[in-house]
Amino acid sequence: IVKAVIWSFSLGSGTSGGVLAPLLMIGGALGALEAHLIPVGGSGFWALISMGAVLAGTLGAPLTAIVFVVEVTRALNALLPL
């Protein structure tokens, strides 16, 4: 149910990104939850890791997801943890 709500909100917001934007929003939200459970690193770090994980799991292409997330966020220093 939550996935459908986030998907609808993301697609209805009018942003460009097609079906990838909801995946990144879901990953970012999961990362924010992980940041509260795991005190190591900041919330942005876990959001980035989760965005890459959700995208990689959905696309079935982990290297493509890593490159995509690094390109979108321009966080080159996070390339190694991904």
PDB file of N, CA and C in Angstrom:
ATOM      1  N   ILE A   1       0.829  -1.185   0.000  1.00  0.00           N
ATOM      2  CA  ILE A   1       0.000   0.000   0.000  1.00  0.00           C
ATOM      3  C   ILE A   1       0.872   1.247   0.000  1.00  0.00           C
ATOM      4  N   VAL A   2       1.920   1.251   0.834  1.00  0.00           N
ATOM      5  CA  VAL A   2       2.800   2.414   0.909  1.00  0.00           C
ATOM      6  C   VAL A   2       3.505   2.624  -0.424  1.00  0.00           C
ATOM      7  N   LYS A   3       3.921   1.533  -1.049  1.00  0.00           N
ATOM      8  CA  LYS A   3       4.597   1.646  -2.337  1.00  0.00           C
ATOM      9  C   LYS A   3       3.673   2.273  -3.371  1.00  0.00           C
ATOM     10  N   ALA A   4       2.428   1.892  -3.393  1.00  0.00           N
ATOM     11  CA  ALA A   4       1.479   2.458  -4.354  1.00  0.00           C
ATOM     12  C   ALA A   4       1.252   3.941  -4.096  1.00  0.00           C
ATOM     13  N   VAL A   5       1.192   4.334  -2.835  1.00  0.00           N
ATOM     14  CA  VAL A   5       0.998   5.749  -2.499  1.00  0.00           C
ATOM     15  C   VAL A   5       2.212   6.566  -2.925  1.00  0.00           C
ATOM     16  N   ILE A   6       3.415   6.085  -2.610  1.00  0.00           N
ATOM     17  CA  ILE A   6       4.632   6.800  -3.002  1.00  0.00           C
ATOM     18  C   ILE A   6       4.737   6.860  -4.519  1.00  0.00           C
ATOM     19  N   TRP A   7       4.425   5.763  -5.184  1.00  0.00           N
ATOM     20  CA  TRP A   7       4.480   5.716  -6.645  1.00  0.00           C
ATOM     21  C   TRP A   7       3.522   6.741  -7.250  1.00  0.00           C
ATOM     22  N   SER A   8       2.303   6.793  -6.737  1.00  0.00           N
ATOM     23  CA  SER A   8       1.305   7.741  -7.241  1.00  0.00           C
ATOM     24  C   SER A   8       1.723   9.177  -6.975  1.00  0.00           C
ATOM     25  N   PHE A   9       2.238   9.443  -5.788  1.00  0.00           N
ATOM     26  CA  PHE A   9       2.679  10.789  -5.446  1.00  0.00           C
ATOM     27  C   PHE A   9       3.826  11.233  -6.341  1.00  0.00           C
ATOM     28  N   SER A  10       4.783  10.347  -6.565  1.00  0.00           N
ATOM     29  CA  SER A  10       5.952  10.690  -7.372  1.00  0.00           C
ATOM     30  C   SER A  10       5.583  10.916  -8.829  1.00  0.00           C
ATOM     31  N   LEU A  11       4.766  10.046  -9.383  1.00  0.00           N
ATOM     32  CA  LEU A  11       4.369  10.211 -10.783  1.00  0.00           C
ATOM     33  C   LEU A  11       3.443  11.408 -10.971  1.00  0.00           C
ATOM     34  N   GLY A  12       2.622  11.701  -9.983  1.00  0.00           N
ATOM     35  CA  GLY A  12       1.695  12.821 -10.080  1.00  0.00           C
ATOM     36  C   GLY A  12       2.323  14.172  -9.802  1.00  0.00           C
ATOM     37  N   SER A  13       3.550  14.187  -9.284  1.00  0.00           N
ATOM     38  CA  SER A  13       4.185  15.459  -8.941  1.00  0.00           C
ATOM     39  C   SER A  13       4.641  16.237 -10.164  1.00  0.00           C
ATOM     40  N   GLY A  14       4.710  15.590 -11.312  1.00  0.00           N
ATOM     41  CA  GLY A  14       5.085  16.284 -12.536  1.00  0.00           C
ATOM     42  C   GLY A  14       6.579  16.384 -12.773  1.00  0.00           C
ATOM     43  N   THR A  15       7.385  15.760 -11.942  1.00  0.00           N
ATOM     44  CA  THR A  15       8.823  15.810 -12.150  1.00  0.00           C
ATOM     45  C   THR A  15       9.217  14.872 -13.281  1.00  0.00           C
ATOM     46  N   SER A  16      10.328  15.176 -13.895  1.00  0.00           N
ATOM     47  CA  SER A  16      10.822  14.267 -14.924  1.00  0.00           C
ATOM     48  C   SER A  16      11.539  13.119 -14.229  1.00  0.00           C
ATOM     49  N   GLY A  17      11.533  11.987 -14.817  1.00  0.00           N
ATOM     50  CA  GLY A  17      12.182  10.831 -14.222  1.00  0.00           C
ATOM     51  C   GLY A  17      11.449   9.545 -14.513  1.00  0.00           C
ATOM     52  N   GLY A  18      10.235   9.658 -15.014  1.00  0.00           N
ATOM     53  CA  GLY A  18       9.483   8.471 -15.399  1.00  0.00           C
ATOM     54  C   GLY A  18       9.264   7.519 -14.253  1.00  0.00           C
ATOM     55  N   VAL A  19       9.557   6.253 -14.491  1.00  0.00           N
ATOM     56  CA  VAL A  19       9.358   5.239 -13.454  1.00  0.00           C
ATOM     57  C   VAL A  19      10.569   5.114 -12.538  1.00  0.00           C
ATOM     58  N   LEU A  20      11.674   5.763 -12.858  1.00  0.00           N
ATOM     59  CA  LEU A  20      12.851   5.686 -12.000  1.00  0.00           C
ATOM     60  C   LEU A  20      12.730   6.606 -10.789  1.00  0.00           C
ATOM     61  N   ALA A  21      12.040   7.718 -10.931  1.00  0.00           N
ATOM     62  CA  ALA A  21      11.899   8.660  -9.815  1.00  0.00           C
ATOM     63  C   ALA A  21      11.206   8.025  -8.607  1.00  0.00           C
ATOM     64  N   PRO A  22      10.114   7.271  -8.784  1.00  0.00           N
ATOM     65  CA  PRO A  22       9.518   6.624  -7.607  1.00  0.00           C
ATOM     66  C   PRO A  22      10.452   5.619  -6.941  1.00  0.00           C
ATOM     67  N   LEU A  23      11.249   4.927  -7.733  1.00  0.00           N
ATOM     68  CA  LEU A  23      12.202   3.982  -7.148  1.00  0.00           C
ATOM     69  C   LEU A  23      13.223   4.715  -6.288  1.00  0.00           C
ATOM     70  N   LEU A  24      13.689   5.860  -6.762  1.00  0.00           N
ATOM     71  CA  LEU A  24      14.658   6.633  -5.993  1.00  0.00           C
ATOM     72  C   LEU A  24      14.018   7.212  -4.735  1.00  0.00           C
ATOM     73  N   MET A  25      12.755   7.617  -4.824  1.00  0.00           N
ATOM     74  CA  MET A  25      12.060   8.124  -3.634  1.00  0.00           C
ATOM     75  C   MET A  25      11.856   7.021  -2.601  1.00  0.00           C
ATOM     76  N   ILE A  26      11.496   5.836  -3.053  1.00  0.00           N
ATOM     77  CA  ILE A  26      11.316   4.708  -2.135  1.00  0.00           C
ATOM     78  C   ILE A  26      12.651   4.360  -1.480  1.00  0.00           C
ATOM     79  N   GLY A  27      13.712   4.330  -2.267  1.00  0.00           N
ATOM     80  CA  GLY A  27      15.032   4.039  -1.715  1.00  0.00           C
ATOM     81  C   GLY A  27      15.490   5.093  -0.724  1.00  0.00           C
ATOM     82  N   GLY A  28      15.239   6.357  -1.037  1.00  0.00           N
ATOM     83  CA  GLY A  28      15.606   7.428  -0.112  1.00  0.00           C
ATOM     84  C   GLY A  28      14.836   7.351   1.193  1.00  0.00           C
ATOM     85  N   ALA A  29      13.555   7.013   1.112  1.00  0.00           N
ATOM     86  CA  ALA A  29      12.738   6.882   2.325  1.00  0.00           C
ATOM     87  C   ALA A  29      13.215   5.709   3.181  1.00  0.00           C
ATOM     88  N   LEU A  30      13.536   4.601   2.540  1.00  0.00           N
ATOM     89  CA  LEU A  30      14.066   3.455   3.294  1.00  0.00           C
ATOM     90  C   LEU A  30      15.410   3.792   3.932  1.00  0.00           C
ATOM     91  N   GLY A  31      16.222   4.549   3.210  1.00  0.00           N
ATOM     92  CA  GLY A  31      17.515   4.963   3.753  1.00  0.00           C
ATOM     93  C   GLY A  31      17.375   5.876   4.959  1.00  0.00           C
ATOM     94  N   ALA A  32      16.377   6.752   4.935  1.00  0.00           N
ATOM     95  CA  ALA A  32      16.136   7.620   6.091  1.00  0.00           C
ATOM     96  C   ALA A  32      15.719   6.796   7.306  1.00  0.00           C
ATOM     97  N   LEU A  33      14.931   5.750   7.078  1.00  0.00           N
ATOM     98  CA  LEU A  33      14.556   4.858   8.185  1.00  0.00           C
ATOM     99  C   LEU A  33      15.768   4.086   8.704  1.00  0.00           C
ATOM    100  N   GLU A  34      16.622   3.641   7.796  1.00  0.00           N
ATOM    101  CA  GLU A  34      17.828   2.918   8.204  1.00  0.00           C
ATOM    102  C   GLU A  34      18.754   3.803   9.022  1.00  0.00           C
ATOM    103  N   ALA A  35      18.815   5.088   8.692  1.00  0.00           N
ATOM    104  CA  ALA A  35      19.692   6.007   9.416  1.00  0.00           C
ATOM    105  C   ALA A  35      19.293   6.115  10.884  1.00  0.00           C
ATOM    106  N   HIS A  36      18.006   5.950  11.173  1.00  0.00           N
ATOM    107  CA  HIS A  36      17.563   5.979  12.568  1.00  0.00           C
ATOM    108  C   HIS A  36      17.917   4.687  13.293  1.00  0.00           C
ATOM    109  N   LEU A  37      17.986   3.588  12.562  1.00  0.00           N
ATOM    110  CA  LEU A  37      18.286   2.297  13.182  1.00  0.00           C
ATOM    111  C   LEU A  37      19.777   2.033  13.304  1.00  0.00           C
ATOM    112  N   ILE A  38      20.558   2.554  12.350  1.00  0.00           N
ATOM    113  CA  ILE A  38      22.002   2.329  12.328  1.00  0.00           C
ATOM    114  C   ILE A  38      22.682   3.678  12.541  1.00  0.00           C
ATOM    115  N   PRO A  39      23.322   3.884  13.687  1.00  0.00           N
ATOM    116  CA  PRO A  39      23.863   5.208  13.992  1.00  0.00           C
ATOM    117  C   PRO A  39      25.163   5.562  13.268  1.00  0.00           C
ATOM    118  N   VAL A  40      25.672   4.710  12.421  1.00  0.00           N
ATOM    119  CA  VAL A  40      26.922   4.976  11.711  1.00  0.00           C
ATOM    120  C   VAL A  40      26.615   5.750  10.431  1.00  0.00           C
ATOM    121  N   GLY A  41      27.321   6.836  10.203  1.00  0.00           N
ATOM    122  CA  GLY A  41      27.097   7.633   8.998  1.00  0.00           C
ATOM    123  C   GLY A  41      25.890   8.542   9.154  1.00  0.00           C
ATOM    124  N   GLY A  42      25.697   9.406   8.182  1.00  0.00           N
ATOM    125  CA  GLY A  42      24.572  10.334   8.219  1.00  0.00           C
ATOM    126  C   GLY A  42      23.367   9.789   7.486  1.00  0.00           C
ATOM    127  N   SER A  43      22.284  10.547   7.556  1.00  0.00           N
ATOM    128  CA  SER A  43      21.059  10.101   6.888  1.00  0.00           C
ATOM    129  C   SER A  43      21.210  10.145   5.369  1.00  0.00           C
ATOM    130  N   GLY A  44      21.991  11.088   4.861  1.00  0.00           N
ATOM    131  CA  GLY A  44      22.226  11.159   3.419  1.00  0.00           C
ATOM    132  C   GLY A  44      22.997   9.958   2.901  1.00  0.00           C
ATOM    133  N   PHE A  45      23.923   9.472   3.713  1.00  0.00           N
ATOM    134  CA  PHE A  45      24.706   8.297   3.335  1.00  0.00           C
ATOM    135  C   PHE A  45      23.802   7.084   3.160  1.00  0.00           C
ATOM    136  N   TRP A  46      22.923   6.832   4.134  1.00  0.00           N
ATOM    137  CA  TRP A  46      22.051   5.667   4.065  1.00  0.00           C
ATOM    138  C   TRP A  46      20.998   5.823   2.981  1.00  0.00           C
ATOM    139  N   ALA A  47      20.560   7.049   2.744  1.00  0.00           N
ATOM    140  CA  ALA A  47      19.607   7.280   1.656  1.00  0.00           C
ATOM    141  C   ALA A  47      20.245   6.944   0.316  1.00  0.00           C
ATOM    142  N   LEU A  48      21.498   7.340   0.140  1.00  0.00           N
ATOM    143  CA  LEU A  48      22.206   7.052  -1.105  1.00  0.00           C
ATOM    144  C   LEU A  48      22.411   5.553  -1.295  1.00  0.00           C
ATOM    145  N   ILE A  49      22.807   4.864  -0.240  1.00  0.00           N
ATOM    146  CA  ILE A  49      23.006   3.418  -0.309  1.00  0.00           C
ATOM    147  C   ILE A  49      21.693   2.710  -0.647  1.00  0.00           C
ATOM    148  N   SER A  50      20.612   3.119   0.005  1.00  0.00           N
ATOM    149  CA  SER A  50      19.316   2.477  -0.239  1.00  0.00           C
ATOM    150  C   SER A  50      18.777   2.786  -1.623  1.00  0.00           C
ATOM    151  N   MET A  51      19.007   4.003  -2.110  1.00  0.00           N
ATOM    152  CA  MET A  51      18.580   4.332  -3.468  1.00  0.00           C
ATOM    153  C   MET A  51      19.265   3.413  -4.471  1.00  0.00           C
ATOM    154  N   GLY A  52      20.567   3.211  -4.292  1.00  0.00           N
ATOM    155  CA  GLY A  52      21.297   2.312  -5.175  1.00  0.00           C
ATOM    156  C   GLY A  52      20.831   0.878  -5.061  1.00  0.00           C
ATOM    157  N   ALA A  53      20.524   0.436  -3.841  1.00  0.00           N
ATOM    158  CA  ALA A  53      20.087  -0.944  -3.634  1.00  0.00           C
ATOM    159  C   ALA A  53      18.720  -1.205  -4.258  1.00  0.00           C
ATOM    160  N   VAL A  54      17.782  -0.278  -4.071  1.00  0.00           N
ATOM    161  CA  VAL A  54      16.442  -0.453  -4.645  1.00  0.00           C
ATOM    162  C   VAL A  54      16.516  -0.428  -6.162  1.00  0.00           C
ATOM    163  N   LEU A  55      17.282   0.500  -6.695  1.00  0.00           N
ATOM    164  CA  LEU A  55      17.413   0.596  -8.149  1.00  0.00           C
ATOM    165  C   LEU A  55      18.098  -0.644  -8.719  1.00  0.00           C
ATOM    166  N   ALA A  56      19.150  -1.117  -8.050  1.00  0.00           N
ATOM    167  CA  ALA A  56      19.860  -2.308  -8.526  1.00  0.00           C
ATOM    168  C   ALA A  56      18.976  -3.544  -8.464  1.00  0.00           C
ATOM    169  N   GLY A  57      18.202  -3.679  -7.402  1.00  0.00           N
ATOM    170  CA  GLY A  57      17.318  -4.832  -7.277  1.00  0.00           C
ATOM    171  C   GLY A  57      16.205  -4.834  -8.307  1.00  0.00           C
ATOM    172  N   THR A  58      15.705  -3.658  -8.630  1.00  0.00           N
ATOM    173  CA  THR A  58      14.613  -3.563  -9.592  1.00  0.00           C
ATOM    174  C   THR A  58      15.100  -3.737 -11.020  1.00  0.00           C
ATOM    175  N   LEU A  59      16.209  -3.087 -11.345  1.00  0.00           N
ATOM    176  CA  LEU A  59      16.736  -3.176 -12.708  1.00  0.00           C
ATOM    177  C   LEU A  59      17.456  -4.489 -12.964  1.00  0.00           C
ATOM    178  N   GLY A  60      17.992  -5.098 -11.918  1.00  0.00           N
ATOM    179  CA  GLY A  60      18.776  -6.314 -12.089  1.00  0.00           C
ATOM    180  C   GLY A  60      20.157  -6.027 -12.658  1.00  0.00           C
ATOM    181  N   ALA A  61      20.595  -4.782 -12.505  1.00  0.00           N
ATOM    182  CA  ALA A  61      21.895  -4.364 -13.024  1.00  0.00           C
ATOM    183  C   ALA A  61      22.584  -3.496 -11.970  1.00  0.00           C
ATOM    184  N   PRO A  62      23.327  -4.118 -11.047  1.00  0.00           N
ATOM    185  CA  PRO A  62      23.909  -3.346  -9.948  1.00  0.00           C
ATOM    186  C   PRO A  62      24.923  -2.291 -10.377  1.00  0.00           C
ATOM    187  N   LEU A  63      25.763  -2.584 -11.348  1.00  0.00           N
ATOM    188  CA  LEU A  63      26.747  -1.587 -11.774  1.00  0.00           C
ATOM    189  C   LEU A  63      26.078  -0.388 -12.430  1.00  0.00           C
ATOM    190  N   THR A  64      25.051  -0.629 -13.203  1.00  0.00           N
ATOM    191  CA  THR A  64      24.302   0.463 -13.817  1.00  0.00           C
ATOM    192  C   THR A  64      23.651   1.322 -12.749  1.00  0.00           C
ATOM    193  N   ALA A  65      23.102   0.698 -11.728  1.00  0.00           N
ATOM    194  CA  ALA A  65      22.457   1.447 -10.650  1.00  0.00           C
ATOM    195  C   ALA A  65      23.459   2.295  -9.887  1.00  0.00           C
ATOM    196  N   ILE A  66      24.643   1.759  -9.634  1.00  0.00           N
ATOM    197  CA  ILE A  66      25.678   2.516  -8.929  1.00  0.00           C
ATOM    198  C   ILE A  66      26.072   3.744  -9.731  1.00  0.00           C
ATOM    199  N   VAL A  67      26.340   3.564 -11.005  1.00  0.00           N
ATOM    200  CA  VAL A  67      26.723   4.696 -11.854  1.00  0.00           C
ATOM    201  C   VAL A  67      25.591   5.712 -11.933  1.00  0.00           C
ATOM    202  N   PHE A  68      24.353   5.241 -12.054  1.00  0.00           N
ATOM    203  CA  PHE A  68      23.204   6.140 -12.153  1.00  0.00           C
ATOM    204  C   PHE A  68      23.049   6.974 -10.884  1.00  0.00           C
ATOM    205  N   VAL A  69      23.134   6.341  -9.716  1.00  0.00           N
ATOM    206  CA  VAL A  69      22.964   7.063  -8.457  1.00  0.00           C
ATOM    207  C   VAL A  69      24.093   8.068  -8.253  1.00  0.00           C
ATOM    208  N   VAL A  70      25.318   7.690  -8.582  1.00  0.00           N
ATOM    209  CA  VAL A  70      26.440   8.621  -8.444  1.00  0.00           C
ATOM    210  C   VAL A  70      26.284   9.794  -9.406  1.00  0.00           C
ATOM    211  N   GLU A  71      25.830   9.542 -10.620  1.00  0.00           N
ATOM    212  CA  GLU A  71      25.633  10.616 -11.590  1.00  0.00           C
ATOM    213  C   GLU A  71      24.508  11.557 -11.169  1.00  0.00           C
ATOM    214  N   VAL A  72      23.426  11.015 -10.654  1.00  0.00           N
ATOM    215  CA  VAL A  72      22.282  11.848 -10.268  1.00  0.00           C
ATOM    216  C   VAL A  72      22.621  12.713  -9.056  1.00  0.00           C
ATOM    217  N   THR A  73      23.304  12.148  -8.076  1.00  0.00           N
ATOM    218  CA  THR A  73      23.591  12.883  -6.844  1.00  0.00           C
ATOM    219  C   THR A  73      24.919  13.630  -6.894  1.00  0.00           C
ATOM    220  N   ARG A  74      25.760  13.300  -7.841  1.00  0.00           N
ATOM    221  CA  ARG A  74      27.101  13.892  -7.966  1.00  0.00           C
ATOM    222  C   ARG A  74      27.932  13.682  -6.704  1.00  0.00           C
ATOM    223  N   ALA A  75      27.703  12.582  -6.032  1.00  0.00           N
ATOM    224  CA  ALA A  75      28.426  12.249  -4.807  1.00  0.00           C
ATOM    225  C   ALA A  75      29.525  11.250  -5.140  1.00  0.00           C
ATOM    226  N   LEU A  76      30.594  11.734  -5.751  1.00  0.00           N
ATOM    227  CA  LEU A  76      31.676  10.841  -6.165  1.00  0.00           C
ATOM    228  C   LEU A  76      32.387  10.205  -4.974  1.00  0.00           C
ATOM    229  N   ASN A  77      32.365  10.870  -3.816  1.00  0.00           N
ATOM    230  CA  ASN A  77      33.013  10.286  -2.640  1.00  0.00           C
ATOM    231  C   ASN A  77      32.245   9.082  -2.097  1.00  0.00           C
ATOM    232  N   ALA A  78      31.024   8.866  -2.546  1.00  0.00           N
ATOM    233  CA  ALA A  78      30.231   7.718  -2.099  1.00  0.00           C
ATOM    234  C   ALA A  78      30.348   6.535  -3.046  1.00  0.00           C
ATOM    235  N   LEU A  79      31.209   6.622  -4.035  1.00  0.00           N
ATOM    236  CA  LEU A  79      31.341   5.544  -5.013  1.00  0.00           C
ATOM    237  C   LEU A  79      31.842   4.258  -4.368  1.00  0.00           C
ATOM    238  N   LEU A  80      32.797   4.363  -3.461  1.00  0.00           N
ATOM    239  CA  LEU A  80      33.349   3.166  -2.827  1.00  0.00           C
ATOM    240  C   LEU A  80      32.336   2.448  -1.932  1.00  0.00           C
ATOM    241  N   PRO A  81      31.572   3.142  -1.070  1.00  0.00           N
ATOM    242  CA  PRO A  81      30.578   2.412  -0.262  1.00  0.00           C
ATOM    243  C   PRO A  81      29.487   1.751  -1.091  1.00  0.00           C
ATOM    244  N   LEU A  82      29.159   2.319  -2.244  1.00  0.00           N
ATOM    245  CA  LEU A  82      28.123   1.710  -3.073  1.00  0.00           C
ATOM    246  C   LEU A  82      28.638   0.418  -3.661  1.00  0.00           C
TER     247      LEU A  82
END
